[in-house]
Amino acid sequence: MDFWDVLNKRYSVRQYLEKPVEPDKLARVLEAARVAPSGSNRQPWKLVVVRDELLRRQMVEACCDQKFIGQAPVVIAGVGTMPQRIMHCDVPGDPVDVAIAMEHVALAAANEGLGTCWIGAFHQDKVRAVLGIPATCKVIEVMVLGYPADRQGPRTRKTIDELVAFDRWA
């Protein structure tokens, strides 16, 4: 698929078919995260890939009772392994690095004909408990993955002039 097609095809999927994701497709999606860039190439993340139905159902409650999370055949928790690291620009490093890796997952999934949805509404302590994530790490992102059962609706986007300033803030 053409790169621009992938970018335009990706949307937040909230309904999934009852169809498992093939192991080779999942492997390619996870490989996309593995090759994602990170600060000083630290790769300060671990992805917890949840396929077990019971655990996915437990993730529904941990993610503020969003039912479609249990419907998706795969749930991925993007976990930062260096939560205390602050970059020189005074921004925490893990959220940036994990977000880059997870966006690689989202784009690779779209390329494979799969859908994803970023989940920011979750309870840190509950996700940690369900997935056995140590307190020394922080869940940055949860993402669901599977075959879409819905279709992308119309999207509006701001104009480039609303989003970009050249040389100085304007």
C-alpha atoms as a PDB file:
ATOM      1  CA  MET A   1       0.000   0.000   0.000  1.00  0.00           C
ATOM      2  CA  ASP A   2       1.212   3.523  -0.762  1.00  0.00           C
ATOM      3  CA  PHE A   3       2.415   5.495   2.283  1.00  0.00           C
ATOM      4  CA  TRP A   4      -0.209   8.238   1.853  1.00  0.00           C
ATOM      5  CA  ASP A   5      -2.929   5.607   1.503  1.00  0.00           C
ATOM      6  CA  VAL A   6      -1.830   4.118   4.826  1.00  0.00           C
ATOM      7  CA  LEU A   7      -1.914   7.534   6.518  1.00  0.00           C
ATOM      8  CA  ASN A   8      -5.363   8.327   5.164  1.00  0.00           C
ATOM      9  CA  LYS A   9      -6.764   4.830   5.770  1.00  0.00           C
ATOM     10  CA  ARG A  10      -5.882   4.707   9.481  1.00  0.00           C
ATOM     11  CA  TYR A  11      -8.711   5.710  11.791  1.00  0.00           C
ATOM     12  CA  SER A  12      -9.839   4.925  15.332  1.00  0.00           C
ATOM     13  CA  VAL A  13     -11.734   1.637  15.073  1.00  0.00           C
ATOM     14  CA  ARG A  14     -14.268   0.943  17.808  1.00  0.00           C
ATOM     15  CA  GLN A  15     -15.992  -2.149  16.391  1.00  0.00           C
ATOM     16  CA  TYR A  16     -14.142  -5.355  15.538  1.00  0.00           C
ATOM     17  CA  LEU A  17     -14.973  -8.551  13.710  1.00  0.00           C
ATOM     18  CA  GLU A  18     -14.740 -11.834  15.585  1.00  0.00           C
ATOM     19  CA  LYS A  19     -11.734 -12.822  13.531  1.00  0.00           C
ATOM     20  CA  PRO A  20      -8.281 -13.496  14.962  1.00  0.00           C
ATOM     21  CA  VAL A  21      -5.268 -11.624  13.676  1.00  0.00           C
ATOM     22  CA  GLU A  22      -2.989 -13.971  11.775  1.00  0.00           C
ATOM     23  CA  PRO A  23       0.382 -14.582  13.496  1.00  0.00           C
ATOM     24  CA  ASP A  24       2.391 -13.345  10.491  1.00  0.00           C
ATOM     25  CA  LYS A  25       0.447 -10.058  10.383  1.00  0.00           C
ATOM     26  CA  LEU A  26       0.844  -9.572  14.126  1.00  0.00           C
ATOM     27  CA  ALA A  27       4.571 -10.291  13.822  1.00  0.00           C
ATOM     28  CA  ARG A  28       4.961  -7.613  11.120  1.00  0.00           C
ATOM     29  CA  VAL A  29       3.031  -5.085  13.207  1.00  0.00           C
ATOM     30  CA  LEU A  30       5.225  -5.789  16.247  1.00  0.00           C
ATOM     31  CA  GLU A  31       8.357  -5.593  14.096  1.00  0.00           C
ATOM     32  CA  ALA A  32       7.303  -2.055  13.165  1.00  0.00           C
ATOM     33  CA  ALA A  33       7.438  -1.145  16.861  1.00  0.00           C
ATOM     34  CA  ARG A  34      10.811  -2.821  17.268  1.00  0.00           C
ATOM     35  CA  VAL A  35      12.393  -0.665  14.563  1.00  0.00           C
ATOM     36  CA  ALA A  36      10.816   2.590  15.800  1.00  0.00           C
ATOM     37  CA  PRO A  37      13.275   5.320  16.741  1.00  0.00           C
ATOM     38  CA  SER A  38      13.803   6.373  20.338  1.00  0.00           C
ATOM     39  CA  GLY A  39      15.990   8.824  22.229  1.00  0.00           C
ATOM     40  CA  SER A  40      19.601   7.589  22.159  1.00  0.00           C
ATOM     41  CA  ASN A  41      18.172   4.326  20.767  1.00  0.00           C
ATOM     42  CA  ARG A  42      17.245   3.287  24.317  1.00  0.00           C
ATOM     43  CA  GLN A  43      14.007   1.595  23.228  1.00  0.00           C
ATOM     44  CA  PRO A  44      12.592   2.166  26.722  1.00  0.00           C
ATOM     45  CA  TRP A  45       9.427   0.164  26.207  1.00  0.00           C
ATOM     46  CA  LYS A  46       7.922  -3.245  26.444  1.00  0.00           C
ATOM     47  CA  LEU A  47       4.745  -4.155  24.636  1.00  0.00           C
ATOM     48  CA  VAL A  48       2.399  -6.529  26.430  1.00  0.00           C
ATOM     49  CA  VAL A  49       0.341  -8.232  23.717  1.00  0.00           C
ATOM     50  CA  VAL A  50      -2.925  -9.614  25.080  1.00  0.00           C
ATOM     51  CA  ARG A  51      -4.740 -12.264  23.042  1.00  0.00           C
ATOM     52  CA  ASP A  52      -6.278 -14.275  25.874  1.00  0.00           C
ATOM     53  CA  GLU A  53     -10.056 -13.703  25.987  1.00  0.00           C
ATOM     54  CA  LEU A  54     -10.290 -13.639  29.789  1.00  0.00           C
ATOM     55  CA  LEU A  55      -7.522 -11.058  30.083  1.00  0.00           C
ATOM     56  CA  ARG A  56      -9.098  -8.939  27.321  1.00  0.00           C
ATOM     57  CA  ARG A  57     -12.381  -8.960  29.244  1.00  0.00           C
ATOM     58  CA  GLN A  58     -10.519  -7.855  32.377  1.00  0.00           C
ATOM     59  CA  MET A  59      -8.949  -5.046  30.352  1.00  0.00           C
ATOM     60  CA  VAL A  60     -12.442  -3.688  29.607  1.00  0.00           C
ATOM     61  CA  GLU A  61     -12.927  -2.760  33.260  1.00  0.00           C
ATOM     62  CA  ALA A  62      -9.340  -1.525  33.568  1.00  0.00           C
ATOM     63  CA  CYS A  63     -10.019   0.739  30.580  1.00  0.00           C
ATOM     64  CA  CYS A  64     -13.073   2.540  31.985  1.00  0.00           C
ATOM     65  CA  ASP A  65     -15.585  -0.087  30.793  1.00  0.00           C
ATOM     66  CA  GLN A  66     -15.066   0.542  27.079  1.00  0.00           C
ATOM     67  CA  LYS A  67     -16.699  -2.619  25.723  1.00  0.00           C
ATOM     68  CA  PHE A  68     -14.990  -2.601  22.321  1.00  0.00           C
ATOM     69  CA  ILE A  69     -11.674  -3.283  24.067  1.00  0.00           C
ATOM     70  CA  GLY A  70     -12.847  -6.791  24.882  1.00  0.00           C
ATOM     71  CA  GLN A  71     -14.238  -7.195  21.371  1.00  0.00           C
ATOM     72  CA  ALA A  72     -10.860  -6.640  19.675  1.00  0.00           C
ATOM     73  CA  PRO A  73      -8.847  -9.850  19.290  1.00  0.00           C
ATOM     74  CA  VAL A  74      -5.615  -8.132  20.382  1.00  0.00           C
ATOM     75  CA  VAL A  75      -4.941  -5.531  23.059  1.00  0.00           C
ATOM     76  CA  ILE A  76      -1.462  -4.036  23.339  1.00  0.00           C
ATOM     77  CA  ALA A  77      -0.198  -2.179  26.377  1.00  0.00           C
ATOM     78  CA  GLY A  78       2.736   0.113  25.607  1.00  0.00           C
ATOM     79  CA  VAL A  79       4.776   0.244  28.794  1.00  0.00           C
ATOM     80  CA  GLY A  80       7.568   2.711  29.520  1.00  0.00           C
ATOM     81  CA  THR A  81      10.525   1.149  31.283  1.00  0.00           C
ATOM     82  CA  MET A  82      12.331   4.372  32.234  1.00  0.00           C
ATOM     83  CA  PRO A  83       9.523   6.494  33.756  1.00  0.00           C
ATOM     84  CA  GLN A  84      11.886   8.779  35.674  1.00  0.00           C
ATOM     85  CA  ARG A  85      13.865   9.839  32.591  1.00  0.00           C
ATOM     86  CA  ILE A  86      13.427  13.477  31.642  1.00  0.00           C
ATOM     87  CA  MET A  87      14.864  14.621  28.327  1.00  0.00           C
ATOM     88  CA  HIS A  88      17.110  17.695  28.111  1.00  0.00           C
ATOM     89  CA  CYS A  89      14.091  19.699  26.886  1.00  0.00           C
ATOM     90  CA  ASP A  90      12.365  19.066  30.255  1.00  0.00           C
ATOM     91  CA  VAL A  91       9.834  16.605  28.782  1.00  0.00           C
ATOM     92  CA  PRO A  92       9.407  13.031  30.102  1.00  0.00           C
ATOM     93  CA  GLY A  93      11.046  10.616  27.658  1.00  0.00           C
ATOM     94  CA  ASP A  94       8.929   7.462  27.976  1.00  0.00           C
ATOM     95  CA  PRO A  95       5.659   8.964  26.713  1.00  0.00           C
ATOM     96  CA  VAL A  96       7.437  10.290  23.625  1.00  0.00           C
ATOM     97  CA  ASP A  97       9.321   7.091  22.831  1.00  0.00           C
ATOM     98  CA  VAL A  98       6.379   4.782  23.536  1.00  0.00           C
ATOM     99  CA  ALA A  99       4.070   6.982  21.424  1.00  0.00           C
ATOM    100  CA  ILE A 100       6.468   6.723  18.473  1.00  0.00           C
ATOM    101  CA  ALA A 101       6.552   2.919  18.784  1.00  0.00           C
ATOM    102  CA  MET A 102       2.775   2.676  19.138  1.00  0.00           C
ATOM    103  CA  GLU A 103       2.171   4.907  16.130  1.00  0.00           C
ATOM    104  CA  HIS A 104       4.442   2.589  14.150  1.00  0.00           C
ATOM    105  CA  VAL A 105       2.095  -0.203  15.302  1.00  0.00           C
ATOM    106  CA  ALA A 106      -0.981   1.760  14.163  1.00  0.00           C
ATOM    107  CA  LEU A 107       0.447   2.511  10.719  1.00  0.00           C
ATOM    108  CA  ALA A 108       1.767  -1.020  10.192  1.00  0.00           C
ATOM    109  CA  ALA A 109      -1.645  -2.370  11.210  1.00  0.00           C
ATOM    110  CA  ALA A 110      -3.382  -0.143   8.649  1.00  0.00           C
ATOM    111  CA  ASN A 111      -0.958  -1.415   6.027  1.00  0.00           C
ATOM    112  CA  GLU A 112      -1.974  -4.988   6.934  1.00  0.00           C
ATOM    113  CA  GLY A 113      -5.698  -4.214   6.602  1.00  0.00           C
ATOM    114  CA  LEU A 114      -6.146  -4.103  10.378  1.00  0.00           C
ATOM    115  CA  GLY A 115      -7.654  -1.400  12.536  1.00  0.00           C
ATOM    116  CA  THR A 116      -6.471   0.134  15.794  1.00  0.00           C
ATOM    117  CA  CYS A 117      -7.631   2.580  18.419  1.00  0.00           C
ATOM    118  CA  TRP A 118      -5.463   4.459  20.883  1.00  0.00           C
ATOM    119  CA  ILE A 119      -6.852   4.159  24.411  1.00  0.00           C
ATOM    120  CA  GLY A 120      -5.969   6.889  26.867  1.00  0.00           C
ATOM    121  CA  ALA A 121      -8.853   6.248  29.260  1.00  0.00           C
ATOM    122  CA  PHE A 122      -7.553   3.547  31.568  1.00  0.00           C
ATOM    123  CA  HIS A 123      -6.689   3.026  35.217  1.00  0.00           C
ATOM    124  CA  GLN A 124      -2.927   2.659  35.603  1.00  0.00           C
ATOM    125  CA  ASP A 125      -3.189   0.437  38.693  1.00  0.00           C
ATOM    126  CA  LYS A 126      -5.844  -1.834  37.184  1.00  0.00           C
ATOM    127  CA  VAL A 127      -3.984  -2.361  33.893  1.00  0.00           C
ATOM    128  CA  ARG A 128      -0.806  -3.107  35.850  1.00  0.00           C
ATOM    129  CA  ALA A 129      -2.652  -5.652  37.994  1.00  0.00           C
ATOM    130  CA  VAL A 130      -4.335  -7.419  35.052  1.00  0.00           C
ATOM    131  CA  LEU A 131      -1.106  -7.676  33.067  1.00  0.00           C
ATOM    132  CA  GLY A 132       1.396  -8.152  35.909  1.00  0.00           C
ATOM    133  CA  ILE A 133       3.326  -4.979  35.076  1.00  0.00           C
ATOM    134  CA  PRO A 134       5.811  -3.989  37.808  1.00  0.00           C
ATOM    135  CA  ALA A 135       5.460  -0.709  39.701  1.00  0.00           C
ATOM    136  CA  THR A 136       8.861   0.363  38.344  1.00  0.00           C
ATOM    137  CA  CYS A 137       7.275   0.772  34.905  1.00  0.00           C
ATOM    138  CA  LYS A 138       4.407   2.937  33.664  1.00  0.00           C
ATOM    139  CA  VAL A 139       1.651   2.052  31.210  1.00  0.00           C
ATOM    140  CA  ILE A 140       1.772   4.862  28.671  1.00  0.00           C
ATOM    141  CA  GLU A 141      -0.723   3.625  26.133  1.00  0.00           C
ATOM    142  CA  VAL A 142      -3.226   0.884  25.447  1.00  0.00           C
ATOM    143  CA  MET A 143      -4.136   0.050  21.858  1.00  0.00           C
ATOM    144  CA  VAL A 144      -6.649  -2.408  20.438  1.00  0.00           C
ATOM    145  CA  LEU A 145      -6.004  -4.225  17.185  1.00  0.00           C
ATOM    146  CA  GLY A 146      -8.125  -6.321  14.855  1.00  0.00           C
ATOM    147  CA  TYR A 147     -10.275  -6.392  11.741  1.00  0.00           C
ATOM    148  CA  PRO A 148     -12.666  -3.429  11.611  1.00  0.00           C
ATOM    149  CA  ALA A 149     -16.393  -4.176  11.711  1.00  0.00           C
ATOM    150  CA  ASP A 150     -17.205  -0.526  11.059  1.00  0.00           C
ATOM    151  CA  ARG A 151     -16.256   1.887   8.309  1.00  0.00           C
ATOM    152  CA  GLN A 152     -14.352   5.116   8.536  1.00  0.00           C
ATOM    153  CA  GLY A 153     -16.726   8.037   8.662  1.00  0.00           C
ATOM    154  CA  PRO A 154     -16.027  11.501   7.334  1.00  0.00           C
ATOM    155  CA  ARG A 155     -13.151  13.242   9.079  1.00  0.00           C
ATOM    156  CA  THR A 156     -12.398  16.897   9.347  1.00  0.00           C
ATOM    157  CA  ARG A 157      -8.920  18.201   9.878  1.00  0.00           C
ATOM    158  CA  LYS A 158      -7.613  21.663  10.569  1.00  0.00           C
ATOM    159  CA  THR A 159      -5.941  23.436   7.688  1.00  0.00           C
ATOM    160  CA  ILE A 160      -2.164  23.432   7.431  1.00  0.00           C
ATOM    161  CA  ASP A 161      -2.178  27.155   8.243  1.00  0.00           C
ATOM    162  CA  GLU A 162      -3.927  26.425  11.548  1.00  0.00           C
ATOM    163  CA  LEU A 163      -1.330  23.822  12.504  1.00  0.00           C
ATOM    164  CA  VAL A 164       1.964  25.138  11.158  1.00  0.00           C
ATOM    165  CA  ALA A 165       3.947  28.325  11.753  1.00  0.00           C
ATOM    166  CA  PHE A 166       7.124  28.958   9.824  1.00  0.00           C
ATOM    167  CA  ASP A 167      10.136  30.508  11.572  1.00  0.00           C
ATOM    168  CA  ARG A 168       8.186  31.978  14.521  1.00  0.00           C
ATOM    169  CA  TRP A 169       4.983  31.335  16.445  1.00  0.00           C
ATOM    170  CA  ALA A 170       2.159  33.087  14.703  1.00  0.00           C
END
